[in-house]
Amino acid sequence: MTWKLLWKMTLVTFVSLFLLMALATTILGALDIRRLFRHLRGDGDSPDDSTGSGH
């Protein structure tokens, strides 16, 4: 194995991991924002009791 091949494999691996994380963050973030707006609109059932009791 040459140094050039090692660095190429390293670059491809980490760029692939970055793209995977960026895609996951985008999808999960969009779902979270949809849930946030649904909650603000009052349509969502949330286990979070935001009445302020106990604070």
PDB file of N, CA and C in Angstrom:
ATOM      1  N   MET A   1       0.851  -1.177   0.000  1.00  0.00           N
ATOM      2  CA  MET A   1       0.000   0.000   0.000  1.00  0.00           C
ATOM      3  C   MET A   1       0.892   1.233   0.000  1.00  0.00           C
ATOM      4  N   THR A   2       0.613   2.131  -0.901  1.00  0.00           N
ATOM      5  CA  THR A   2       1.404   3.350  -0.991  1.00  0.00           C
ATOM      6  C   THR A   2       0.746   4.455  -0.167  1.00  0.00           C
ATOM      7  N   TRP A   3       1.538   5.492   0.102  1.00  0.00           N
ATOM      8  CA  TRP A   3       1.015   6.626   0.852  1.00  0.00           C
ATOM      9  C   TRP A   3      -0.100   7.325   0.087  1.00  0.00           C
ATOM     10  N   LYS A   4       0.056   7.396  -1.229  1.00  0.00           N
ATOM     11  CA  LYS A   4      -0.965   8.048  -2.047  1.00  0.00           C
ATOM     12  C   LYS A   4      -2.297   7.309  -1.934  1.00  0.00           C
ATOM     13  N   LEU A   5      -2.260   5.989  -1.985  1.00  0.00           N
ATOM     14  CA  LEU A   5      -3.479   5.194  -1.870  1.00  0.00           C
ATOM     15  C   LEU A   5      -4.080   5.329  -0.469  1.00  0.00           C
ATOM     16  N   LEU A   6      -3.238   5.325   0.544  1.00  0.00           N
ATOM     17  CA  LEU A   6      -3.720   5.476   1.916  1.00  0.00           C
ATOM     18  C   LEU A   6      -4.449   6.804   2.103  1.00  0.00           C
ATOM     19  N   TRP A   7      -3.854   7.899   1.614  1.00  0.00           N
ATOM     20  CA  TRP A   7      -4.486   9.203   1.770  1.00  0.00           C
ATOM     21  C   TRP A   7      -5.750   9.324   0.929  1.00  0.00           C
ATOM     22  N   LYS A   8      -5.768   8.693  -0.229  1.00  0.00           N
ATOM     23  CA  LYS A   8      -6.968   8.712  -1.062  1.00  0.00           C
ATOM     24  C   LYS A   8      -8.103   7.968  -0.370  1.00  0.00           C
ATOM     25  N   MET A   9      -7.801   6.816   0.221  1.00  0.00           N
ATOM     26  CA  MET A   9      -8.814   6.053   0.950  1.00  0.00           C
ATOM     27  C   MET A   9      -9.310   6.841   2.163  1.00  0.00           C
ATOM     28  N   THR A  10      -8.391   7.500   2.857  1.00  0.00           N
ATOM     29  CA  THR A  10      -8.761   8.308   4.015  1.00  0.00           C
ATOM     30  C   THR A  10      -9.682   9.454   3.601  1.00  0.00           C
ATOM     31  N   LEU A  11      -9.336  10.125   2.522  1.00  0.00           N
ATOM     32  CA  LEU A  11     -10.149  11.236   2.037  1.00  0.00           C
ATOM     33  C   LEU A  11     -11.544  10.763   1.636  1.00  0.00           C
ATOM     34  N   VAL A  12     -11.622   9.692   0.881  1.00  0.00           N
ATOM     35  CA  VAL A  12     -12.917   9.175   0.436  1.00  0.00           C
ATOM     36  C   VAL A  12     -13.757   8.741   1.634  1.00  0.00           C
ATOM     37  N   THR A  13     -13.139   8.100   2.613  1.00  0.00           N
ATOM     38  CA  THR A  13     -13.861   7.648   3.800  1.00  0.00           C
ATOM     39  C   THR A  13     -14.463   8.820   4.564  1.00  0.00           C
ATOM     40  N   PHE A  14     -13.657   9.842   4.828  1.00  0.00           N
ATOM     41  CA  PHE A  14     -14.144  10.949   5.643  1.00  0.00           C
ATOM     42  C   PHE A  14     -15.101  11.867   4.884  1.00  0.00           C
ATOM     43  N   VAL A  15     -14.923  12.016   3.587  1.00  0.00           N
ATOM     44  CA  VAL A  15     -15.891  12.785   2.803  1.00  0.00           C
ATOM     45  C   VAL A  15     -17.223  12.048   2.776  1.00  0.00           C
ATOM     46  N   SER A  16     -17.183  10.726   2.648  1.00  0.00           N
ATOM     47  CA  SER A  16     -18.415   9.933   2.664  1.00  0.00           C
ATOM     48  C   SER A  16     -19.117  10.042   4.011  1.00  0.00           C
ATOM     49  N   LEU A  17     -18.363   9.963   5.096  1.00  0.00           N
ATOM     50  CA  LEU A  17     -18.954  10.108   6.428  1.00  0.00           C
ATOM     51  C   LEU A  17     -19.559  11.497   6.620  1.00  0.00           C
ATOM     52  N   PHE A  18     -18.876  12.513   6.121  1.00  0.00           N
ATOM     53  CA  PHE A  18     -19.400  13.872   6.220  1.00  0.00           C
ATOM     54  C   PHE A  18     -20.719  14.003   5.464  1.00  0.00           C
ATOM     55  N   LEU A  19     -20.775  13.463   4.251  1.00  0.00           N
ATOM     56  CA  LEU A  19     -22.006  13.547   3.467  1.00  0.00           C
ATOM     57  C   LEU A  19     -23.142  12.790   4.141  1.00  0.00           C
ATOM     58  N   LEU A  20     -22.837  11.643   4.724  1.00  0.00           N
ATOM     59  CA  LEU A  20     -23.854  10.869   5.432  1.00  0.00           C
ATOM     60  C   LEU A  20     -24.392  11.641   6.634  1.00  0.00           C
ATOM     61  N   MET A  21     -23.503  12.252   7.406  1.00  0.00           N
ATOM     62  CA  MET A  21     -23.930  13.034   8.565  1.00  0.00           C
ATOM     63  C   MET A  21     -24.722  14.272   8.143  1.00  0.00           C
ATOM     64  N   ALA A  22     -24.302  14.927   7.064  1.00  0.00           N
ATOM     65  CA  ALA A  22     -25.023  16.105   6.583  1.00  0.00           C
ATOM     66  C   ALA A  22     -26.426  15.722   6.123  1.00  0.00           C
ATOM     67  N   LEU A  23     -26.552  14.610   5.438  1.00  0.00           N
ATOM     68  CA  LEU A  23     -27.859  14.149   4.975  1.00  0.00           C
ATOM     69  C   LEU A  23     -28.759  13.783   6.153  1.00  0.00           C
ATOM     70  N   ALA A  24     -28.209  13.068   7.121  1.00  0.00           N
ATOM     71  CA  ALA A  24     -28.989  12.680   8.298  1.00  0.00           C
ATOM     72  C   ALA A  24     -29.430  13.913   9.085  1.00  0.00           C
ATOM     73  N   THR A  25     -28.546  14.886   9.241  1.00  0.00           N
ATOM     74  CA  THR A  25     -28.880  16.104   9.967  1.00  0.00           C
ATOM     75  C   THR A  25     -29.970  16.888   9.244  1.00  0.00           C
ATOM     76  N   THR A  26     -29.887  16.948   7.922  1.00  0.00           N
ATOM     77  CA  THR A  26     -30.895  17.665   7.142  1.00  0.00           C
ATOM     78  C   THR A  26     -32.262  17.014   7.275  1.00  0.00           C
ATOM     79  N   ILE A  27     -32.321  15.706   7.116  1.00  0.00           N
ATOM     80  CA  ILE A  27     -33.602  14.998   7.176  1.00  0.00           C
ATOM     81  C   ILE A  27     -34.191  15.055   8.581  1.00  0.00           C
ATOM     82  N   LEU A  28     -33.393  14.720   9.583  1.00  0.00           N
ATOM     83  CA  LEU A  28     -33.906  14.719  10.952  1.00  0.00           C
ATOM     84  C   LEU A  28     -34.238  16.129  11.434  1.00  0.00           C
ATOM     85  N   GLY A  29     -33.466  17.118  10.996  1.00  0.00           N
ATOM     86  CA  GLY A  29     -33.763  18.498  11.355  1.00  0.00           C
ATOM     87  C   GLY A  29     -35.069  18.973  10.746  1.00  0.00           C
ATOM     88  N   ALA A  30     -35.320  18.601   9.494  1.00  0.00           N
ATOM     89  CA  ALA A  30     -36.580  18.977   8.846  1.00  0.00           C
ATOM     90  C   ALA A  30     -37.763  18.332   9.564  1.00  0.00           C
ATOM     91  N   LEU A  31     -37.621  17.083   9.957  1.00  0.00           N
ATOM     92  CA  LEU A  31     -38.696  16.422  10.697  1.00  0.00           C
ATOM     93  C   LEU A  31     -38.926  17.094  12.050  1.00  0.00           C
ATOM     94  N   ASP A  32     -37.849  17.502  12.694  1.00  0.00           N
ATOM     95  CA  ASP A  32     -37.964  18.171  13.988  1.00  0.00           C
ATOM     96  C   ASP A  32     -38.647  19.535  13.845  1.00  0.00           C
ATOM     97  N   ILE A  33     -38.323  20.264  12.788  1.00  0.00           N
ATOM     98  CA  ILE A  33     -38.961  21.562  12.561  1.00  0.00           C
ATOM     99  C   ILE A  33     -40.446  21.383  12.264  1.00  0.00           C
ATOM    100  N   ARG A  34     -40.807  20.355  11.488  1.00  0.00           N
ATOM    101  CA  ARG A  34     -42.225  20.075  11.233  1.00  0.00           C
ATOM    102  C   ARG A  34     -42.959  19.781  12.538  1.00  0.00           C
ATOM    103  N   ARG A  35     -42.313  18.996  13.403  1.00  0.00           N
ATOM    104  CA  ARG A  35     -42.923  18.676  14.694  1.00  0.00           C
ATOM    105  C   ARG A  35     -43.059  19.940  15.556  1.00  0.00           C
ATOM    106  N   LEU A  36     -42.063  20.827  15.487  1.00  0.00           N
ATOM    107  CA  LEU A  36     -42.119  22.083  16.234  1.00  0.00           C
ATOM    108  C   LEU A  36     -43.296  22.938  15.779  1.00  0.00           C
ATOM    109  N   PHE A  37     -43.466  23.108  14.466  1.00  0.00           N
ATOM    110  CA  PHE A  37     -44.569  23.918  13.964  1.00  0.00           C
ATOM    111  C   PHE A  37     -45.913  23.272  14.263  1.00  0.00           C
ATOM    112  N   ARG A  38     -45.981  21.952  14.193  1.00  0.00           N
ATOM    113  CA  ARG A  38     -47.225  21.259  14.528  1.00  0.00           C
ATOM    114  C   ARG A  38     -47.567  21.498  15.996  1.00  0.00           C
ATOM    115  N   HIS A  39     -46.548  21.463  16.848  1.00  0.00           N
ATOM    116  CA  HIS A  39     -46.760  21.699  18.277  1.00  0.00           C
ATOM    117  C   HIS A  39     -47.198  23.146  18.528  1.00  0.00           C
ATOM    118  N   LEU A  40     -46.567  24.093  17.846  1.00  0.00           N
ATOM    119  CA  LEU A  40     -46.926  25.498  18.028  1.00  0.00           C
ATOM    120  C   LEU A  40     -48.336  25.789  17.531  1.00  0.00           C
ATOM    121  N   ARG A  41     -48.762  25.076  16.502  1.00  0.00           N
ATOM    122  CA  ARG A  41     -50.101  25.251  15.968  1.00  0.00           C
ATOM    123  C   ARG A  41     -51.140  24.619  16.884  1.00  0.00           C
ATOM    124  N   GLY A  42     -50.717  23.680  17.718  1.00  0.00           N
ATOM    125  CA  GLY A  42     -51.617  23.044  18.665  1.00  0.00           C
ATOM    126  C   GLY A  42     -52.178  21.728  18.182  1.00  0.00           C
ATOM    127  N   ASP A  43     -51.687  21.215  17.047  1.00  0.00           N
ATOM    128  CA  ASP A  43     -52.198  19.955  16.514  1.00  0.00           C
ATOM    129  C   ASP A  43     -51.488  18.736  17.080  1.00  0.00           C
ATOM    130  N   GLY A  44     -50.310  18.917  17.617  1.00  0.00           N
ATOM    131  CA  GLY A  44     -49.512  17.767  18.037  1.00  0.00           C
ATOM    132  C   GLY A  44     -49.733  17.410  19.484  1.00  0.00           C
ATOM    133  N   ASP A  45     -49.714  16.132  19.747  1.00  0.00           N
ATOM    134  CA  ASP A  45     -49.765  15.660  21.126  1.00  0.00           C
ATOM    135  C   ASP A  45     -48.338  15.506  21.602  1.00  0.00           C
ATOM    136  N   SER A  46     -47.998  16.221  22.639  1.00  0.00           N
ATOM    137  CA  SER A  46     -46.644  16.176  23.150  1.00  0.00           C
ATOM    138  C   SER A  46     -46.668  15.729  24.602  1.00  0.00           C
ATOM    139  N   PRO A  47     -45.751  14.844  24.983  1.00  0.00           N
ATOM    140  CA  PRO A  47     -45.691  14.448  26.386  1.00  0.00           C
ATOM    141  C   PRO A  47     -45.159  15.563  27.278  1.00  0.00           C
ATOM    142  N   ASP A  48     -44.628  16.621  26.663  1.00  0.00           N
ATOM    143  CA  ASP A  48     -44.088  17.744  27.414  1.00  0.00           C
ATOM    144  C   ASP A  48     -45.232  18.603  27.939  1.00  0.00           C
ATOM    145  N   ASP A  49     -45.323  18.716  29.245  1.00  0.00           N
ATOM    146  CA  ASP A  49     -46.353  19.559  29.841  1.00  0.00           C
ATOM    147  C   ASP A  49     -45.761  20.946  30.030  1.00  0.00           C
ATOM    148  N   SER A  50     -46.146  21.891  29.212  1.00  0.00           N
ATOM    149  CA  SER A  50     -45.564  23.223  29.285  1.00  0.00           C
ATOM    150  C   SER A  50     -46.432  24.188  30.088  1.00  0.00           C
ATOM    151  N   THR A  51     -47.133  23.668  31.095  1.00  0.00           N
ATOM    152  CA  THR A  51     -47.948  24.529  31.947  1.00  0.00           C
ATOM    153  C   THR A  51     -47.103  25.265  32.970  1.00  0.00           C
ATOM    154  N   GLY A  52     -45.874  24.832  33.139  1.00  0.00           N
ATOM    155  CA  GLY A  52     -45.003  25.498  34.086  1.00  0.00           C
ATOM    156  C   GLY A  52     -45.082  24.926  35.479  1.00  0.00           C
ATOM    157  N   SER A  53     -45.824  23.857  35.671  1.00  0.00           N
ATOM    158  CA  SER A  53     -45.934  23.281  37.004  1.00  0.00           C
ATOM    159  C   SER A  53     -44.612  22.647  37.407  1.00  0.00           C
ATOM    160  N   GLY A  54     -44.199  22.960  38.604  1.00  0.00           N
ATOM    161  CA  GLY A  54     -42.968  22.376  39.116  1.00  0.00           C
ATOM    162  C   GLY A  54     -41.717  23.154  38.771  1.00  0.00           C
ATOM    163  N   HIS A  55     -41.874  24.318  38.178  1.00  0.00           N
ATOM    164  CA  HIS A  55     -40.689  25.108  37.830  1.00  0.00           C
ATOM    165  C   HIS A  55     -40.607  26.337  38.675  1.00  0.00           C
TER     166      HIS A  55
END
